[in-house]
Amino acid sequence: MKNELYLETHTSKENYDKTSILKVSLESLITYCVYKYCIPLDIKLYFVHTTDSSDKTLLNLQADHIDFVHKEDICWQVASCLYPVILFDDTIITGLCAVSRHICRHRTSAPSSNEYDDGLLSFRQGCLQAPNEVSIWTKFCEVDLIKTVKELLSEEKLDEIPKSLIRFENHLNKPVKIHNIFKVARELKKENIKSEDNVDHINSSTININGLKDEARMPKHRKWKSNKKKSEIDIPLKIEDLDLNHQFAEGPFLTLADLVLLPSYHIIVQIIGKNMFESLFPLTYKWFLKVTNINEVISLELILQTIKALPLPIVKSLEIPKIEDVSLYKSDPKRHNPKRRLFTKPEDIEKALDVIEDGMELDVSNLEFEALDWNEIPDGANPAAGHLPDERVVRKSQQLENLCQAVISMAQDGNYIVDFCSGSGHLGILVAHLLPKCTIILLENKEQSLLRARDRVHKMGLTNVYFFQCNLDFFIGKFDIGIALHACGIASDLVLDKCLKSNAKFVLCPCCYGSVHATDRLVYPRSSKFKSMTIDQYLCIGHTADQTHKDHPLTVRGERCMAIIDSDRARLAEEHGYKVTLSRLKPLSCTDKNNLLVGVPS
């Protein structure tokens, strides 16, 4: 079974042989440090020499005994992703945190006394498990801080304190939030109680035992004993009252997050200077010293000491930006928060709909497909073989049937088809069974969902399916058809953008219109035909599009609003030279979100 780690370098093997120095990106440096700390003997490390990167913030890493592989010799799966990349049998894992987690699972190095019982991945192996789309903490470690370091490396002087550094400082000042926090507090409490009990035992042994013999033994009034231990009773109910502090990034124990953050902060301290850094971020500097003084981390420090970053001139009037003082575990003020969704009023909806002019909305087509014979579909690709209720089986089968027939009508032998946000692979596996001469990629960022899909594929014996555990951002491969069933909110737009960039056909059934929101990469409205709408009007229509519940008086209006949002998406594709049809799944009762967008490059 292959278990290989690929990192990017801008140094050729010939130059490395002369100097033992590699020019690497910050992501490669961090991954290399995690690899050296964990010593995963069954993971083979390769550096890939590339020359086509636009990264101007490369770092000089001194390393021994490096194996190179030519870019032309790596398999297409690895070449389809941003580095770092893990090739594990038939599965690709990419993204800094996901790759680092895989390395930790194959660790052979001895654990540090500062780690939790479950090791670097901490309680239930959950450290940095959530994808950065849904986890602010993962996004900070994998995206935000790395972006900050690269900006510092490319700046000529420091005028303002980076916001991400302030956010981490504030985070360290907040109460610890870990899943098993009360268990940890109880264990610490038990240690204190044991110490107190020992003292009490010593004091009680000094009592005059002979004097007790002369007294008549009096019966004790017995009560029912509580099953609760004293330590459990004494634990406060509020996290804020627990005496647990951020000794490390995620609480009282060393975790993978500390190793991921350490190289970035090593460079930041060099750029800002130790004295200035300590005065600006005392808690972060205390954390930095705590981590770097751990015996097991000293080897990483020796590696990082070879990384030299020039200090930046700091202006006297250094600006301190104002940011919300919240933990990184809480909602990012910039991130869309469903609890803060707008609540539309009837008059706001009418005003938004009044903006829609003739020619903006796409006509809804009536697409006809032949029905599948589900009796011929094997268990691994058949919803009826699972544990769904009968009614759900029927509706799920109808949804899959609509999308599969749309894909079959446009697919050709040898096509690469990507099932984006594939979940456990219901759609992609069925397509793989029906199109055995096509290559199917199941792309999903949730590890457990992809493992379930992988198990089903292996039981079916399919050989045309590959698994990519990554976010959309980390997949850069070429493909012919992109498909997505109920990709939530902006995910449908991100999938659409991937398809447009690759000039690939697409079959999309969007979902969660009310979750649509502007990001640093997505601007709404999406097409020029809808530019007359304001963002507030657009979000109002998106919110109304979710009002399509069964037997609801507002369903008709909600369906029109769904069509408006999807028309905007279709018009964007048309501007890229696509022919797009907007239709609806049959029967309509198979799902409330039943629009189907099919696009073909002209």
Foldseek 3Di string as FASTA:
>chain_A
DAKEKEFEWQDDPVRCVVPQKTWHALLRLLLVLLCVLQVLVRYHYEYEHDDPDPQPQTWIFRDPDHHYDYPVPDDQVCVQFDDGWIDDPQEIEHFSLRSSLVSNVRGDDDAFPQADPVGQCPDVSPNLQDDVLPALLVCLLRPVLSVVLSVLLPDQAAQADDPSLVQLLLQQVDQFDDPCVLVVLLVVLVVVVVVVVVVVVVVVVPDDPVVVVPDDDDDDDDDDDDPDDPSNVPDDPDSRPRPWGPLESRTRGNHSSRSSCQLSVLSVCQQAPVVRCCVVRVSVSSSNVSQCPGPSCVVVVVRSVSTHGHHHHYDPNRHYDDDDSDHSRDDHPQRDDPVPFDDDDPVLLVVLVVLDDPPLFDDADDDDFDFDDLVPPDLLQQLVNDDDPPVLSVLVSLLLRVQLRLCVVPDDFAFEEEAAQCFLNNNQVRNCVVRVRYAYEYEHQNPVRPVNNVVSCVVVVRDRYGYYRDHLVGGRRAGAEYEYEAPEACSQVSSLVSCLVNLHKYKYQYHHLLSHDDDPPDDPPHAPSPVSGDPVSLNSLSNLLNPQDPPDPSNVSNVVSLSSSVSSSVNNSVVSQKDKHWYFGPPNVSDSRTIIITIHHD
